[in-house]
Amino acid sequence: TPTDNPIIESLNGWIKEEMRIDFNLKYAEDIPSFIENYINYFNTQRLAYSLQYKNPVQYRIEQGFT
C-alpha cells in the first residue's frame, strides 16, 4: 500500500548505509556473496531493540518457536 512505501524505503536506506559503513561494502570483492552474508547476519545474528537486544534466533528459542 502507499503508506507502506516510506517505511520500506527508510529500512532500505538504513540497510544500505549499514552495509556501506559498518561492513565496508566498498572493499567487498564478491558483491553477491557479501549481500548473502549480510542477509544471514541480519536474519540470525543482529541484536534488535524490539527483541530486548537479543538476536532473532535467541528470541525465537525463548518464545518456544524453535
N, C-alpha and C. Protein backbone atom coordinates (compact mmCIF):
# COMPACT_ATOMS: atom_id res chain seq x y z
N THR A 1 0.84 -1.18 0.00
CA THR A 1 0.00 0.00 0.00
C THR A 1 0.88 1.24 0.00
N PRO A 2 0.33 2.37 -0.40
CA PRO A 2 1.15 3.59 -0.44
C PRO A 2 1.72 3.99 0.91
N THR A 3 1.02 3.67 2.00
CA THR A 3 1.54 4.05 3.32
C THR A 3 2.71 3.17 3.75
N ASP A 4 2.85 1.99 3.16
CA ASP A 4 3.98 1.11 3.49
C ASP A 4 5.27 1.57 2.82
N ASN A 5 5.16 2.24 1.70
CA ASN A 5 6.34 2.60 0.92
C ASN A 5 7.37 3.42 1.70
N PRO A 6 6.99 4.47 2.44
CA PRO A 6 8.02 5.23 3.19
C PRO A 6 8.75 4.37 4.23
N ILE A 7 8.04 3.44 4.83
CA ILE A 7 8.66 2.58 5.84
C ILE A 7 9.69 1.67 5.18
N ILE A 8 9.31 1.06 4.06
CA ILE A 8 10.22 0.17 3.34
C ILE A 8 11.43 0.96 2.82
N GLU A 9 11.19 2.14 2.27
CA GLU A 9 12.28 2.96 1.76
C GLU A 9 13.24 3.36 2.87
N SER A 10 12.71 3.66 4.04
CA SER A 10 13.55 4.02 5.18
C SER A 10 14.41 2.84 5.60
N LEU A 11 13.81 1.65 5.71
CA LEU A 11 14.56 0.45 6.06
C LEU A 11 15.62 0.14 5.02
N ASN A 12 15.25 0.28 3.75
CA ASN A 12 16.19 0.03 2.67
C ASN A 12 17.40 0.96 2.77
N GLY A 13 17.16 2.24 3.02
CA GLY A 13 18.25 3.20 3.16
C GLY A 13 19.13 2.88 4.37
N TRP A 14 18.51 2.49 5.47
CA TRP A 14 19.26 2.14 6.68
C TRP A 14 20.16 0.93 6.42
N ILE A 15 19.62 -0.09 5.74
CA ILE A 15 20.41 -1.29 5.44
C ILE A 15 21.57 -0.95 4.52
N LYS A 16 21.32 -0.15 3.49
CA LYS A 16 22.40 0.22 2.57
C LYS A 16 23.50 1.00 3.29
N GLU A 17 23.10 1.91 4.16
CA GLU A 17 24.08 2.70 4.91
C GLU A 17 24.89 1.81 5.85
N GLU A 18 24.23 0.87 6.51
CA GLU A 18 24.93 -0.06 7.40
C GLU A 18 25.92 -0.92 6.61
N MET A 19 25.51 -1.39 5.44
CA MET A 19 26.40 -2.21 4.62
C MET A 19 27.61 -1.41 4.17
N ARG A 20 27.39 -0.15 3.83
CA ARG A 20 28.47 0.69 3.33
C ARG A 20 29.45 1.07 4.43
N ILE A 21 28.95 1.49 5.58
CA ILE A 21 29.81 1.99 6.64
C ILE A 21 30.31 0.88 7.57
N ASP A 22 29.39 0.10 8.15
CA ASP A 22 29.76 -0.88 9.17
C ASP A 22 30.40 -2.14 8.60
N PHE A 23 30.04 -2.49 7.37
CA PHE A 23 30.52 -3.75 6.80
C PHE A 23 31.46 -3.55 5.62
N ASN A 24 31.89 -2.32 5.37
CA ASN A 24 32.88 -1.99 4.34
C ASN A 24 32.54 -2.55 2.97
N LEU A 25 31.35 -2.24 2.49
CA LEU A 25 30.93 -2.67 1.16
C LEU A 25 31.90 -2.23 0.08
N LYS A 26 32.53 -1.10 0.28
CA LYS A 26 33.46 -0.55 -0.71
C LYS A 26 34.61 -1.53 -0.99
N TYR A 27 35.00 -2.32 -0.01
CA TYR A 27 36.14 -3.22 -0.17
C TYR A 27 35.74 -4.67 -0.41
N ALA A 28 34.46 -4.93 -0.62
CA ALA A 28 33.99 -6.29 -0.88
C ALA A 28 34.41 -6.72 -2.28
N GLU A 29 34.93 -7.91 -2.39
CA GLU A 29 35.37 -8.42 -3.69
C GLU A 29 34.25 -9.12 -4.43
N ASP A 30 33.38 -9.79 -3.71
CA ASP A 30 32.28 -10.55 -4.31
C ASP A 30 30.97 -10.01 -3.76
N ILE A 31 30.33 -9.11 -4.50
CA ILE A 31 29.12 -8.43 -4.02
C ILE A 31 27.98 -9.40 -3.73
N PRO A 32 27.64 -10.36 -4.63
CA PRO A 32 26.54 -11.28 -4.28
C PRO A 32 26.80 -12.06 -2.99
N SER A 33 28.03 -12.50 -2.78
CA SER A 33 28.37 -13.21 -1.55
C SER A 33 28.28 -12.28 -0.34
N PHE A 34 28.73 -11.05 -0.51
CA PHE A 34 28.66 -10.05 0.55
C PHE A 34 27.21 -9.83 0.98
N ILE A 35 26.32 -9.67 0.01
CA ILE A 35 24.91 -9.45 0.30
C ILE A 35 24.30 -10.67 0.98
N GLU A 36 24.64 -11.86 0.50
CA GLU A 36 24.13 -13.08 1.13
C GLU A 36 24.58 -13.18 2.58
N ASN A 37 25.84 -12.87 2.85
CA ASN A 37 26.35 -12.89 4.22
C ASN A 37 25.65 -11.85 5.09
N TYR A 38 25.40 -10.67 4.53
CA TYR A 38 24.72 -9.62 5.29
C TYR A 38 23.29 -10.06 5.62
N ILE A 39 22.59 -10.65 4.67
CA ILE A 39 21.22 -11.12 4.92
C ILE A 39 21.21 -12.17 6.02
N ASN A 40 22.19 -13.08 5.99
CA ASN A 40 22.31 -14.07 7.06
C ASN A 40 22.54 -13.39 8.41
N TYR A 41 23.42 -12.42 8.45
CA TYR A 41 23.68 -11.66 9.67
C TYR A 41 22.40 -10.96 10.15
N PHE A 42 21.72 -10.29 9.23
CA PHE A 42 20.52 -9.53 9.57
C PHE A 42 19.42 -10.43 10.13
N ASN A 43 19.27 -11.61 9.57
CA ASN A 43 18.19 -12.51 9.97
C ASN A 43 18.51 -13.40 11.16
N THR A 44 19.80 -13.56 11.51
CA THR A 44 20.13 -14.51 12.58
C THR A 44 21.00 -13.94 13.69
N GLN A 45 21.80 -12.92 13.44
CA GLN A 45 22.80 -12.51 14.41
C GLN A 45 22.65 -11.11 14.98
N ARG A 46 22.02 -10.21 14.26
CA ARG A 46 21.97 -8.81 14.71
C ARG A 46 21.12 -8.68 15.96
N LEU A 47 21.53 -7.81 16.86
CA LEU A 47 20.77 -7.53 18.06
C LEU A 47 19.70 -6.50 17.72
N ALA A 48 18.49 -6.71 18.18
CA ALA A 48 17.39 -5.81 17.85
C ALA A 48 16.77 -5.23 19.11
N TYR A 49 16.54 -3.94 19.09
CA TYR A 49 15.91 -3.25 20.22
C TYR A 49 14.54 -3.85 20.50
N SER A 50 13.77 -4.10 19.45
CA SER A 50 12.41 -4.61 19.63
C SER A 50 12.37 -6.03 20.19
N LEU A 51 13.52 -6.72 20.18
CA LEU A 51 13.60 -8.07 20.74
C LEU A 51 14.38 -8.07 22.05
N GLN A 52 14.37 -6.93 22.75
CA GLN A 52 15.10 -6.74 24.01
C GLN A 52 16.60 -7.01 23.84
N TYR A 53 17.17 -6.51 22.76
CA TYR A 53 18.59 -6.64 22.43
C TYR A 53 19.05 -8.09 22.38
N LYS A 54 18.21 -8.93 21.81
CA LYS A 54 18.56 -10.32 21.54
C LYS A 54 18.60 -10.47 20.03
N ASN A 55 19.30 -11.49 19.56
CA ASN A 55 19.25 -11.73 18.13
C ASN A 55 17.99 -12.53 17.83
N PRO A 56 17.54 -12.54 16.57
CA PRO A 56 16.28 -13.21 16.24
C PRO A 56 16.24 -14.69 16.62
N VAL A 57 17.36 -15.38 16.52
CA VAL A 57 17.39 -16.80 16.87
C VAL A 57 17.16 -16.98 18.37
N GLN A 58 17.87 -16.20 19.19
CA GLN A 58 17.68 -16.28 20.64
C GLN A 58 16.23 -15.99 21.02
N TYR A 59 15.66 -14.97 20.40
CA TYR A 59 14.30 -14.59 20.73
C TYR A 59 13.31 -15.70 20.37
N ARG A 60 13.46 -16.29 19.19
CA ARG A 60 12.55 -17.37 18.78
C ARG A 60 12.67 -18.57 19.70
N ILE A 61 13.88 -18.90 20.13
CA ILE A 61 14.08 -20.02 21.04
C ILE A 61 13.39 -19.74 22.38
N GLU A 62 13.58 -18.53 22.91
CA GLU A 62 12.97 -18.18 24.18
C GLU A 62 11.44 -18.17 24.10
N GLN A 63 10.91 -17.86 22.92
CA GLN A 63 9.46 -17.82 22.74
C GLN A 63 8.88 -19.20 22.44
N GLY A 64 9.75 -20.19 22.27
CA GLY A 64 9.32 -21.56 22.03
C GLY A 64 9.01 -21.87 20.58
N PHE A 65 9.51 -21.07 19.65
CA PHE A 65 9.24 -21.29 18.23
C PHE A 65 10.23 -22.25 17.58
N THR A 66 11.38 -22.46 18.20
CA THR A 66 12.40 -23.32 17.58
C THR A 66 12.78 -24.43 18.54
